[in-house]
């Protein structure tokens, strides 16, 4: 009788141990990260963006641009160096004005091979977590103008297959972290002398939300069809994704009043989402002109007309 009692107690203790162990095991299971959904509507002709030097340090230049343009932009671009964290404070300031942050991640100090291999995943997860915590739409570009040769990740420096692998890996990490509030903007340089065939760098439709094209009016002969037409035609051979002019401006040498009108009319005719104006005073030759509209009355007047007559109402864009 005693031995049976001892056996029953042993079984009970063993069972309790299993239950406790199971409970402990359950406690250390990490639940999947909640997915944060927030997206921008791809309304044609509805996006007016701006890049101001010094962003994200100060909102004032954006406010000055808005006054000159006759409308507050709904996208504001800034560049984020590799290993820099997402600037939640600046993003919150933009959001309070109804503006979506557009972050161009610059991997100059990183290896594209290492990005693709996952060597920087701790950094990428941290960045993605911050964006998910922000909770509002964010546009992210990465290693832009890769079809040109002037950046270390670009044409003749990094094989297109390596770029594609890095892009796909970055997008995958962000999605694993639940950052589904990102609009992924894959941006090429407008086709020209020294650029490569843009389809070589295409990551695939499942890894891209919008396609960006960068291009400028430098000379009087420049028109929308000349600057952007061939590139948009190439894009349409492999993608139907919405197109945004991700960085553009008209220089004084091109004749700003007439050519700004041509730019806005082209945005509509080509059925693009809109444009991001490169509002920078460079003064360094024809390729680096004073692109600002704030210090040119004719440019500001033309820009206001373009915004008023050609762009859709600001309220039609956004999350």
C-alpha atoms as a PDB file:
ATOM      1  CA  UNK A   1       0.000   0.000   0.000  1.00  0.00           C
ATOM      2  CA  UNK A   2       2.811   2.350   0.926  1.00  0.00           C
ATOM      3  CA  UNK A   3       4.712   1.626  -2.294  1.00  0.00           C
ATOM      4  CA  UNK A   4       1.545   2.310  -4.320  1.00  0.00           C
ATOM      5  CA  UNK A   5       1.083   5.655  -2.553  1.00  0.00           C
ATOM      6  CA  UNK A   6       4.692   6.588  -3.223  1.00  0.00           C
ATOM      7  CA  UNK A   7       4.244   5.673  -6.893  1.00  0.00           C
ATOM      8  CA  UNK A   8       1.091   7.770  -7.215  1.00  0.00           C
ATOM      9  CA  UNK A   9       2.806  10.755  -5.609  1.00  0.00           C
ATOM     10  CA  UNK A  10       5.745  10.371  -7.971  1.00  0.00           C
ATOM     11  CA  UNK A  11       3.421  10.346 -10.980  1.00  0.00           C
ATOM     12  CA  UNK A  12       1.609  13.439  -9.703  1.00  0.00           C
ATOM     13  CA  UNK A  13       4.859  15.311  -9.146  1.00  0.00           C
ATOM     14  CA  UNK A  14       6.103  14.331 -12.597  1.00  0.00           C
ATOM     15  CA  UNK A  15       2.848  15.489 -14.174  1.00  0.00           C
ATOM     16  CA  UNK A  16       3.009  18.808 -12.328  1.00  0.00           C
ATOM     17  CA  UNK A  17       6.589  19.268 -13.479  1.00  0.00           C
ATOM     18  CA  UNK A  18       5.554  18.737 -17.083  1.00  0.00           C
ATOM     19  CA  UNK A  19       2.726  21.281 -16.719  1.00  0.00           C
ATOM     20  CA  UNK A  20       5.082  23.853 -15.159  1.00  0.00           C
ATOM     21  CA  UNK A  21       7.700  23.212 -17.819  1.00  0.00           C
ATOM     22  CA  UNK A  22       5.078  23.599 -20.526  1.00  0.00           C
ATOM     23  CA  UNK A  23       3.950  26.841 -18.933  1.00  0.00           C
ATOM     24  CA  UNK A  24       7.489  28.120 -18.873  1.00  0.00           C
ATOM     25  CA  UNK A  25       7.988  27.126 -22.460  1.00  0.00           C
ATOM     26  CA  UNK A  26       4.863  29.029 -23.450  1.00  0.00           C
ATOM     27  CA  UNK A  27       6.096  32.149 -21.700  1.00  0.00           C
ATOM     28  CA  UNK A  28       9.277  32.387 -23.780  1.00  0.00           C
ATOM     29  CA  UNK A  29       7.529  32.049 -27.144  1.00  0.00           C
ATOM     30  CA  UNK A  30       7.874  35.403 -28.938  1.00  0.00           C
ATOM     31  CA  UNK A  31       4.601  36.369 -30.641  1.00  0.00           C
ATOM     32  CA  UNK A  32       4.797  37.685 -34.210  1.00  0.00           C
ATOM     33  CA  UNK A  33       5.168  41.427 -34.483  1.00  0.00           C
ATOM     34  CA  UNK A  34       1.898  43.228 -35.178  1.00  0.00           C
ATOM     35  CA  UNK A  35       1.742  44.537 -38.719  1.00  0.00           C
ATOM     36  CA  UNK A  36       1.301  48.300 -39.056  1.00  0.00           C
ATOM     37  CA  UNK A  37      -0.726  49.132 -42.157  1.00  0.00           C
ATOM     38  CA  UNK A  38      -0.687  52.644 -43.631  1.00  0.00           C
ATOM     39  CA  UNK A  39      -0.478  53.371 -47.328  1.00  0.00           C
ATOM     40  CA  UNK A  40      -0.544  56.296 -49.731  1.00  0.00           C
ATOM     41  CA  UNK A  41      -3.177  56.431 -52.430  1.00  0.00           C
ATOM     42  CA  UNK A  42      -1.716  56.357 -55.949  1.00  0.00           C
ATOM     43  CA  UNK A  43      -3.807  59.274 -57.203  1.00  0.00           C
ATOM     44  CA  UNK A  44      -2.377  60.651 -60.439  1.00  0.00           C
ATOM     45  CA  UNK A  45      -1.147  64.243 -60.343  1.00  0.00           C
ATOM     46  CA  UNK A  46      -1.821  64.615 -56.633  1.00  0.00           C
ATOM     47  CA  UNK A  47       1.655  64.721 -55.093  1.00  0.00           C
ATOM     48  CA  UNK A  48       3.693  67.867 -54.608  1.00  0.00           C
ATOM     49  CA  UNK A  49       6.946  67.098 -52.853  1.00  0.00           C
ATOM     50  CA  UNK A  50      10.063  69.040 -51.932  1.00  0.00           C
ATOM     51  CA  UNK A  51      13.647  68.426 -50.940  1.00  0.00           C
ATOM     52  CA  UNK A  52      15.248  71.150 -48.841  1.00  0.00           C
ATOM     53  CA  UNK A  53      18.928  71.045 -47.857  1.00  0.00           C
ATOM     54  CA  UNK A  54      19.353  70.685 -44.143  1.00  0.00           C
ATOM     55  CA  UNK A  55      16.266  68.523 -43.739  1.00  0.00           C
ATOM     56  CA  UNK A  56      15.461  66.966 -41.376  1.00  0.00           C
ATOM     57  CA  UNK A  57      16.982  69.649 -39.193  1.00  0.00           C
ATOM     58  CA  UNK A  58      14.435  72.433 -39.726  1.00  0.00           C
ATOM     59  CA  UNK A  59      10.883  72.779 -41.030  1.00  0.00           C
ATOM     60  CA  UNK A  60      11.229  76.478 -41.894  1.00  0.00           C
ATOM     61  CA  UNK A  61      12.628  75.981 -45.447  1.00  0.00           C
ATOM     62  CA  UNK A  62       9.667  73.739 -46.239  1.00  0.00           C
ATOM     63  CA  UNK A  63       7.295  76.422 -44.997  1.00  0.00           C
ATOM     64  CA  UNK A  64       9.040  79.026 -47.201  1.00  0.00           C
ATOM     65  CA  UNK A  65       8.735  76.736 -50.217  1.00  0.00           C
ATOM     66  CA  UNK A  66       5.039  76.216 -49.459  1.00  0.00           C
ATOM     67  CA  UNK A  67       4.474  79.975 -49.404  1.00  0.00           C
ATOM     68  CA  UNK A  68       6.175  80.380 -52.782  1.00  0.00           C
ATOM     69  CA  UNK A  69       4.411  77.364 -54.306  1.00  0.00           C
ATOM     70  CA  UNK A  70       0.957  78.386 -53.144  1.00  0.00           C
ATOM     71  CA  UNK A  71       0.389  75.010 -51.485  1.00  0.00           C
ATOM     72  CA  UNK A  72       2.003  73.059 -48.698  1.00  0.00           C
ATOM     73  CA  UNK A  73       3.718  69.959 -50.068  1.00  0.00           C
ATOM     74  CA  UNK A  74       2.382  66.551 -49.116  1.00  0.00           C
ATOM     75  CA  UNK A  75       5.797  64.841 -49.381  1.00  0.00           C
ATOM     76  CA  UNK A  76       9.112  66.056 -47.934  1.00  0.00           C
ATOM     77  CA  UNK A  77      12.335  64.287 -48.837  1.00  0.00           C
ATOM     78  CA  UNK A  78      15.499  63.958 -46.808  1.00  0.00           C
ATOM     79  CA  UNK A  79      18.582  61.765 -47.029  1.00  0.00           C
ATOM     80  CA  UNK A  80      19.509  59.302 -44.307  1.00  0.00           C
ATOM     81  CA  UNK A  81      23.111  58.120 -44.135  1.00  0.00           C
ATOM     82  CA  UNK A  82      23.851  54.486 -43.436  1.00  0.00           C
ATOM     83  CA  UNK A  83      23.658  53.665 -39.700  1.00  0.00           C
ATOM     84  CA  UNK A  84      21.519  56.765 -39.029  1.00  0.00           C
ATOM     85  CA  UNK A  85      18.223  56.007 -37.330  1.00  0.00           C
ATOM     86  CA  UNK A  86      14.768  57.048 -38.497  1.00  0.00           C
ATOM     87  CA  UNK A  87      14.090  60.616 -37.369  1.00  0.00           C
ATOM     88  CA  UNK A  88      10.792  60.120 -35.578  1.00  0.00           C
ATOM     89  CA  UNK A  89      10.718  63.678 -34.268  1.00  0.00           C
ATOM     90  CA  UNK A  90      10.998  65.248 -37.726  1.00  0.00           C
ATOM     91  CA  UNK A  91       8.546  62.720 -39.154  1.00  0.00           C
ATOM     92  CA  UNK A  92       6.042  63.699 -36.457  1.00  0.00           C
ATOM     93  CA  UNK A  93       6.508  67.381 -37.303  1.00  0.00           C
ATOM     94  CA  UNK A  94       5.832  66.647 -40.960  1.00  0.00           C
ATOM     95  CA  UNK A  95       2.792  64.539 -40.100  1.00  0.00           C
ATOM     96  CA  UNK A  96       1.345  67.388 -38.041  1.00  0.00           C
ATOM     97  CA  UNK A  97       1.382  69.454 -41.260  1.00  0.00           C
ATOM     98  CA  UNK A  98      -0.171  66.683 -43.335  1.00  0.00           C
ATOM     99  CA  UNK A  99       3.165  65.869 -44.992  1.00  0.00           C
ATOM    100  CA  UNK A 100       4.516  62.351 -45.562  1.00  0.00           C
ATOM    101  CA  UNK A 101       8.247  61.856 -44.904  1.00  0.00           C
ATOM    102  CA  UNK A 102      10.225  60.555 -47.873  1.00  0.00           C
ATOM    103  CA  UNK A 103      13.490  59.029 -46.650  1.00  0.00           C
ATOM    104  CA  UNK A 104      16.201  58.301 -49.188  1.00  0.00           C
ATOM    105  CA  UNK A 105      18.529  55.776 -47.497  1.00  0.00           C
ATOM    106  CA  UNK A 106      22.096  56.318 -48.697  1.00  0.00           C
ATOM    107  CA  UNK A 107      24.270  53.161 -48.403  1.00  0.00           C
ATOM    108  CA  UNK A 108      27.562  54.902 -49.242  1.00  0.00           C
ATOM    109  CA  UNK A 109      29.185  53.555 -46.060  1.00  0.00           C
ATOM    110  CA  UNK A 110      27.843  50.032 -46.469  1.00  0.00           C
ATOM    111  CA  UNK A 111      28.592  47.036 -48.647  1.00  0.00           C
ATOM    112  CA  UNK A 112      25.751  46.051 -50.953  1.00  0.00           C
ATOM    113  CA  UNK A 113      26.972  42.449 -50.790  1.00  0.00           C
ATOM    114  CA  UNK A 114      26.848  42.587 -46.984  1.00  0.00           C
ATOM    115  CA  UNK A 115      23.345  44.107 -47.000  1.00  0.00           C
ATOM    116  CA  UNK A 116      22.118  41.260 -49.192  1.00  0.00           C
ATOM    117  CA  UNK A 117      23.828  38.716 -46.915  1.00  0.00           C
ATOM    118  CA  UNK A 118      22.078  40.064 -43.812  1.00  0.00           C
ATOM    119  CA  UNK A 119      25.173  41.473 -42.102  1.00  0.00           C
ATOM    120  CA  UNK A 120      23.359  44.719 -41.217  1.00  0.00           C
ATOM    121  CA  UNK A 121      20.076  43.169 -40.129  1.00  0.00           C
ATOM    122  CA  UNK A 122      20.249  44.479 -36.546  1.00  0.00           C
ATOM    123  CA  UNK A 123      20.387  48.030 -37.904  1.00  0.00           C
ATOM    124  CA  UNK A 124      17.651  47.419 -40.453  1.00  0.00           C
ATOM    125  CA  UNK A 125      15.366  45.837 -37.854  1.00  0.00           C
ATOM    126  CA  UNK A 126      15.872  48.808 -35.546  1.00  0.00           C
ATOM    127  CA  UNK A 127      15.054  51.227 -38.380  1.00  0.00           C
ATOM    128  CA  UNK A 128      11.993  49.213 -39.383  1.00  0.00           C
ATOM    129  CA  UNK A 129      10.757  49.054 -35.788  1.00  0.00           C
ATOM    130  CA  UNK A 130      10.982  52.841 -35.484  1.00  0.00           C
ATOM    131  CA  UNK A 131       8.956  53.289 -38.665  1.00  0.00           C
ATOM    132  CA  UNK A 132       6.365  50.761 -37.516  1.00  0.00           C
ATOM    133  CA  UNK A 133       6.124  52.593 -34.178  1.00  0.00           C
ATOM    134  CA  UNK A 134       5.599  55.870 -36.069  1.00  0.00           C
ATOM    135  CA  UNK A 135       2.495  54.247 -37.510  1.00  0.00           C
ATOM    136  CA  UNK A 136       1.865  56.648 -40.405  1.00  0.00           C
ATOM    137  CA  UNK A 137       2.819  56.372 -44.089  1.00  0.00           C
ATOM    138  CA  UNK A 138       6.510  56.734 -44.921  1.00  0.00           C
ATOM    139  CA  UNK A 139       8.072  56.701 -48.387  1.00  0.00           C
ATOM    140  CA  UNK A 140      11.441  54.958 -48.479  1.00  0.00           C
ATOM    141  CA  UNK A 141      13.931  54.988 -51.300  1.00  0.00           C
ATOM    142  CA  UNK A 142      17.207  53.075 -51.213  1.00  0.00           C
ATOM    143  CA  UNK A 143      20.378  53.422 -53.312  1.00  0.00           C
ATOM    144  CA  UNK A 144      18.708  55.730 -55.834  1.00  0.00           C
ATOM    145  CA  UNK A 145      19.941  56.408 -59.371  1.00  0.00           C
ATOM    146  CA  UNK A 146      21.640  53.022 -59.445  1.00  0.00           C
ATOM    147  CA  UNK A 147      21.561  52.998 -63.255  1.00  0.00           C
ATOM    148  CA  UNK A 148      24.056  55.910 -63.276  1.00  0.00           C
ATOM    149  CA  UNK A 149      27.731  55.720 -62.384  1.00  0.00           C
ATOM    150  CA  UNK A 150      28.226  58.555 -59.878  1.00  0.00           C
ATOM    151  CA  UNK A 151      27.340  56.595 -56.724  1.00  0.00           C
ATOM    152  CA  UNK A 152      29.407  53.695 -55.371  1.00  0.00           C
ATOM    153  CA  UNK A 153      26.397  51.356 -55.560  1.00  0.00           C
ATOM    154  CA  UNK A 154      25.635  52.307 -59.161  1.00  0.00           C
ATOM    155  CA  UNK A 155      26.367  51.325 -62.727  1.00  0.00           C
ATOM    156  CA  UNK A 156      29.909  49.998 -63.328  1.00  0.00           C
ATOM    157  CA  UNK A 157      30.514  49.750 -59.549  1.00  0.00           C
ATOM    158  CA  UNK A 158      28.053  47.113 -58.327  1.00  0.00           C
ATOM    159  CA  UNK A 159      26.510  44.331 -60.386  1.00  0.00           C
ATOM    160  CA  UNK A 160      22.767  44.816 -60.927  1.00  0.00           C
ATOM    161  CA  UNK A 161      22.112  41.357 -59.430  1.00  0.00           C
ATOM    162  CA  UNK A 162      23.815  42.452 -56.209  1.00  0.00           C
ATOM    163  CA  UNK A 163      21.722  45.599 -56.048  1.00  0.00           C
ATOM    164  CA  UNK A 164      18.549  43.568 -56.594  1.00  0.00           C
ATOM    165  CA  UNK A 165      19.500  41.122 -53.833  1.00  0.00           C
ATOM    166  CA  UNK A 166      20.196  43.987 -51.401  1.00  0.00           C
ATOM    167  CA  UNK A 167      16.932  45.763 -52.246  1.00  0.00           C
ATOM    168  CA  UNK A 168      14.884  42.592 -51.823  1.00  0.00           C
ATOM    169  CA  UNK A 169      16.562  41.774 -48.522  1.00  0.00           C
ATOM    170  CA  UNK A 170      15.940  45.240 -47.112  1.00  0.00           C
ATOM    171  CA  UNK A 171      12.257  45.136 -48.053  1.00  0.00           C
ATOM    172  CA  UNK A 172      11.923  41.631 -46.616  1.00  0.00           C
ATOM    173  CA  UNK A 173      13.414  42.649 -43.254  1.00  0.00           C
ATOM    174  CA  UNK A 174      11.057  45.616 -42.955  1.00  0.00           C
ATOM    175  CA  UNK A 175       8.056  43.434 -43.721  1.00  0.00           C
ATOM    176  CA  UNK A 176       9.170  40.843 -41.174  1.00  0.00           C
ATOM    177  CA  UNK A 177       9.246  43.631 -38.577  1.00  0.00           C
ATOM    178  CA  UNK A 178       5.651  44.565 -39.394  1.00  0.00           C
ATOM    179  CA  UNK A 179       6.512  47.898 -41.077  1.00  0.00           C
ATOM    180  CA  UNK A 180       3.785  47.719 -43.683  1.00  0.00           C
ATOM    181  CA  UNK A 181       3.388  51.493 -43.577  1.00  0.00           C
ATOM    182  CA  UNK A 182       6.225  51.901 -46.097  1.00  0.00           C
ATOM    183  CA  UNK A 183       5.714  52.971 -49.699  1.00  0.00           C
ATOM    184  CA  UNK A 184       8.776  51.546 -51.459  1.00  0.00           C
ATOM    185  CA  UNK A 185      10.095  53.959 -54.091  1.00  0.00           C
ATOM    186  CA  UNK A 186      12.568  52.456 -56.547  1.00  0.00           C
ATOM    187  CA  UNK A 187      14.218  55.448 -58.242  1.00  0.00           C
ATOM    188  CA  UNK A 188      16.286  55.575 -61.435  1.00  0.00           C
ATOM    189  CA  UNK A 189      18.142  58.385 -63.136  1.00  0.00           C
ATOM    190  CA  UNK A 190      16.487  59.621 -66.327  1.00  0.00           C
ATOM    191  CA  UNK A 191      18.038  57.790 -69.248  1.00  0.00           C
ATOM    192  CA  UNK A 192      21.005  59.586 -70.781  1.00  0.00           C
ATOM    193  CA  UNK A 193      24.662  59.387 -71.651  1.00  0.00           C
ATOM    194  CA  UNK A 194      26.456  56.981 -69.344  1.00  0.00           C
ATOM    195  CA  UNK A 195      23.382  55.287 -67.854  1.00  0.00           C
ATOM    196  CA  UNK A 196      22.684  51.583 -68.049  1.00  0.00           C
ATOM    197  CA  UNK A 197      19.569  49.629 -69.072  1.00  0.00           C
ATOM    198  CA  UNK A 198      17.202  50.264 -66.177  1.00  0.00           C
ATOM    199  CA  UNK A 199      15.397  46.923 -66.244  1.00  0.00           C
ATOM    200  CA  UNK A 200      18.648  45.268 -65.095  1.00  0.00           C
ATOM    201  CA  UNK A 201      18.105  46.754 -61.615  1.00  0.00           C
ATOM    202  CA  UNK A 202      14.395  45.915 -61.333  1.00  0.00           C
ATOM    203  CA  UNK A 203      13.748  44.006 -58.051  1.00  0.00           C
ATOM    204  CA  UNK A 204      10.325  42.744 -59.100  1.00  0.00           C
ATOM    205  CA  UNK A 205       6.815  44.107 -58.660  1.00  0.00           C
ATOM    206  CA  UNK A 206       6.331  42.465 -55.250  1.00  0.00           C
ATOM    207  CA  UNK A 207       9.229  44.520 -53.845  1.00  0.00           C
ATOM    208  CA  UNK A 208       8.273  47.942 -55.256  1.00  0.00           C
ATOM    209  CA  UNK A 209       5.288  50.201 -54.562  1.00  0.00           C
ATOM    210  CA  UNK A 210       6.085  53.154 -56.821  1.00  0.00           C
ATOM    211  CA  UNK A 211       8.755  53.874 -59.432  1.00  0.00           C
ATOM    212  CA  UNK A 212      10.730  57.110 -59.167  1.00  0.00           C
ATOM    213  CA  UNK A 213      12.518  58.981 -61.953  1.00  0.00           C
ATOM    214  CA  UNK A 214      15.073  61.754 -61.341  1.00  0.00           C
ATOM    215  CA  UNK A 215      15.669  64.329 -64.069  1.00  0.00           C
ATOM    216  CA  UNK A 216      16.286  68.071 -64.523  1.00  0.00           C
ATOM    217  CA  UNK A 217      15.784  70.814 -67.103  1.00  0.00           C
ATOM    218  CA  UNK A 218      19.246  72.281 -67.695  1.00  0.00           C
ATOM    219  CA  UNK A 219      18.972  74.012 -71.083  1.00  0.00           C
ATOM    220  CA  UNK A 220      16.320  75.761 -73.217  1.00  0.00           C
ATOM    221  CA  UNK A 221      16.043  72.656 -75.392  1.00  0.00           C
ATOM    222  CA  UNK A 222      14.940  70.485 -72.459  1.00  0.00           C
ATOM    223  CA  UNK A 223      11.294  69.430 -72.397  1.00  0.00           C
ATOM    224  CA  UNK A 224       9.314  66.844 -70.463  1.00  0.00           C
ATOM    225  CA  UNK A 225       9.344  64.446 -73.399  1.00  0.00           C
ATOM    226  CA  UNK A 226      13.092  64.841 -73.869  1.00  0.00           C
ATOM    227  CA  UNK A 227      14.023  64.551 -70.192  1.00  0.00           C
ATOM    228  CA  UNK A 228      11.556  61.911 -68.990  1.00  0.00           C
ATOM    229  CA  UNK A 229       9.852  60.411 -72.053  1.00  0.00           C
ATOM    230  CA  UNK A 230      12.400  57.711 -72.990  1.00  0.00           C
ATOM    231  CA  UNK A 231      12.773  56.567 -69.377  1.00  0.00           C
ATOM    232  CA  UNK A 232       9.052  56.304 -68.689  1.00  0.00           C
ATOM    233  CA  UNK A 233       8.684  54.393 -71.974  1.00  0.00           C
ATOM    234  CA  UNK A 234      11.351  51.922 -70.807  1.00  0.00           C
ATOM    235  CA  UNK A 235       9.670  51.493 -67.437  1.00  0.00           C
ATOM    236  CA  UNK A 236       6.357  50.702 -69.093  1.00  0.00           C
ATOM    237  CA  UNK A 237       7.933  47.717 -70.881  1.00  0.00           C
ATOM    238  CA  UNK A 238       8.344  45.869 -67.562  1.00  0.00           C
ATOM    239  CA  UNK A 239       6.190  47.594 -64.948  1.00  0.00           C
ATOM    240  CA  UNK A 240       2.780  49.184 -64.538  1.00  0.00           C
ATOM    241  CA  UNK A 241       3.642  50.636 -61.122  1.00  0.00           C
ATOM    242  CA  UNK A 242       2.748  54.325 -60.558  1.00  0.00           C
ATOM    243  CA  UNK A 243       5.550  56.748 -61.472  1.00  0.00           C
ATOM    244  CA  UNK A 244       6.655  59.714 -59.367  1.00  0.00           C
ATOM    245  CA  UNK A 245       9.173  62.330 -60.502  1.00  0.00           C
ATOM    246  CA  UNK A 246      11.239  61.747 -57.378  1.00  0.00           C
ATOM    247  CA  UNK A 247      13.722  64.585 -57.888  1.00  0.00           C
ATOM    248  CA  UNK A 248      13.333  67.319 -60.466  1.00  0.00           C
ATOM    249  CA  UNK A 249      13.665  71.061 -61.067  1.00  0.00           C
ATOM    250  CA  UNK A 250      13.981  73.625 -63.823  1.00  0.00           C
ATOM    251  CA  UNK A 251      17.107  75.782 -63.872  1.00  0.00           C
ATOM    252  CA  UNK A 252      17.290  79.477 -64.834  1.00  0.00           C
ATOM    253  CA  UNK A 253      19.373  78.518 -67.880  1.00  0.00           C
ATOM    254  CA  UNK A 254      16.419  76.501 -69.205  1.00  0.00           C
ATOM    255  CA  UNK A 255      13.974  79.402 -68.948  1.00  0.00           C
ATOM    256  CA  UNK A 256      12.007  78.778 -65.795  1.00  0.00           C
ATOM    257  CA  UNK A 257       8.663  80.421 -66.517  1.00  0.00           C
ATOM    258  CA  UNK A 258       7.836  78.438 -69.663  1.00  0.00           C
ATOM    259  CA  UNK A 259       9.608  75.230 -68.714  1.00  0.00           C
ATOM    260  CA  UNK A 260       7.996  74.949 -65.290  1.00  0.00           C
ATOM    261  CA  UNK A 261       4.673  75.067 -67.119  1.00  0.00           C
ATOM    262  CA  UNK A 262       5.941  72.336 -69.446  1.00  0.00           C
ATOM    263  CA  UNK A 263       6.972  70.226 -66.457  1.00  0.00           C
ATOM    264  CA  UNK A 264       3.565  70.385 -64.781  1.00  0.00           C
ATOM    265  CA  UNK A 265       1.747  69.740 -68.032  1.00  0.00           C
ATOM    266  CA  UNK A 266       4.010  66.744 -68.632  1.00  0.00           C
ATOM    267  CA  UNK A 267       3.252  65.355 -65.178  1.00  0.00           C
ATOM    268  CA  UNK A 268      -0.417  65.205 -66.148  1.00  0.00           C
ATOM    269  CA  UNK A 269       0.039  64.055 -69.745  1.00  0.00           C
ATOM    270  CA  UNK A 270       2.345  61.200 -68.737  1.00  0.00           C
ATOM    271  CA  UNK A 271      -0.083  60.098 -66.008  1.00  0.00           C
ATOM    272  CA  UNK A 272       2.443  60.345 -63.190  1.00  0.00           C
ATOM    273  CA  UNK A 273       1.729  60.774 -59.492  1.00  0.00           C
ATOM    274  CA  UNK A 274       3.372  64.185 -59.277  1.00  0.00           C
ATOM    275  CA  UNK A 275       6.810  65.579 -58.527  1.00  0.00           C
ATOM    276  CA  UNK A 276       9.357  66.258 -55.791  1.00  0.00           C
ATOM    277  CA  UNK A 277      11.040  69.626 -56.389  1.00  0.00           C
ATOM    278  CA  UNK A 278      14.791  69.878 -55.684  1.00  0.00           C
ATOM    279  CA  UNK A 279      14.686  73.280 -53.986  1.00  0.00           C
ATOM    280  CA  UNK A 280      18.429  73.911 -53.703  1.00  0.00           C
ATOM    281  CA  UNK A 281      20.618  76.915 -54.521  1.00  0.00           C
ATOM    282  CA  UNK A 282      23.803  75.432 -56.023  1.00  0.00           C
ATOM    283  CA  UNK A 283      25.416  78.034 -58.335  1.00  0.00           C
ATOM    284  CA  UNK A 284      28.064  75.698 -59.776  1.00  0.00           C
ATOM    285  CA  UNK A 285      27.756  75.466 -63.530  1.00  0.00           C
ATOM    286  CA  UNK A 286      24.923  74.370 -65.767  1.00  0.00           C
ATOM    287  CA  UNK A 287      24.486  71.024 -63.989  1.00  0.00           C
ATOM    288  CA  UNK A 288      24.256  72.706 -60.584  1.00  0.00           C
ATOM    289  CA  UNK A 289      22.086  75.804 -60.990  1.00  0.00           C
ATOM    290  CA  UNK A 290      19.965  77.757 -58.537  1.00  0.00           C
ATOM    291  CA  UNK A 291      16.887  75.550 -58.560  1.00  0.00           C
ATOM    292  CA  UNK A 292      14.931  77.438 -55.909  1.00  0.00           C
ATOM    293  CA  UNK A 293      11.629  79.129 -56.689  1.00  0.00           C
ATOM    294  CA  UNK A 294      11.645  81.358 -53.608  1.00  0.00           C
ATOM    295  CA  UNK A 295      14.185  83.828 -55.011  1.00  0.00           C
ATOM    296  CA  UNK A 296      12.714  84.087 -58.526  1.00  0.00           C
ATOM    297  CA  UNK A 297       9.422  85.898 -59.034  1.00  0.00           C
ATOM    298  CA  UNK A 298       8.834  84.417 -62.488  1.00  0.00           C
ATOM    299  CA  UNK A 299       9.610  80.888 -61.261  1.00  0.00           C
ATOM    300  CA  UNK A 300       7.267  81.273 -58.290  1.00  0.00           C
ATOM    301  CA  UNK A 301       4.433  82.611 -60.456  1.00  0.00           C
ATOM    302  CA  UNK A 302       4.835  79.786 -62.956  1.00  0.00           C
ATOM    303  CA  UNK A 303       5.011  77.207 -60.186  1.00  0.00           C
ATOM    304  CA  UNK A 304       1.846  78.495 -58.524  1.00  0.00           C
ATOM    305  CA  UNK A 305       0.023  78.322 -61.853  1.00  0.00           C
ATOM    306  CA  UNK A 306       1.206  74.753 -62.393  1.00  0.00           C
ATOM    307  CA  UNK A 307       0.076  73.694 -58.924  1.00  0.00           C
ATOM    308  CA  UNK A 308      -3.286  75.422 -59.340  1.00  0.00           C
ATOM    309  CA  UNK A 309      -4.076  74.353 -62.885  1.00  0.00           C
ATOM    310  CA  UNK A 310      -2.460  70.932 -63.266  1.00  0.00           C
ATOM    311  CA  UNK A 311      -2.236  69.157 -59.915  1.00  0.00           C
ATOM    312  CA  UNK A 312      -5.200  67.446 -58.315  1.00  0.00           C
ATOM    313  CA  UNK A 313      -6.406  68.882 -54.988  1.00  0.00           C
ATOM    314  CA  UNK A 314      -4.064  68.116 -52.104  1.00  0.00           C
ATOM    315  CA  UNK A 315      -6.873  66.339 -50.250  1.00  0.00           C
ATOM    316  CA  UNK A 316      -7.012  63.599 -52.896  1.00  0.00           C
ATOM    317  CA  UNK A 317      -3.624  62.177 -51.851  1.00  0.00           C
ATOM    318  CA  UNK A 318      -2.540  60.718 -48.549  1.00  0.00           C
ATOM    319  CA  UNK A 319      -3.249  57.663 -46.463  1.00  0.00           C
END
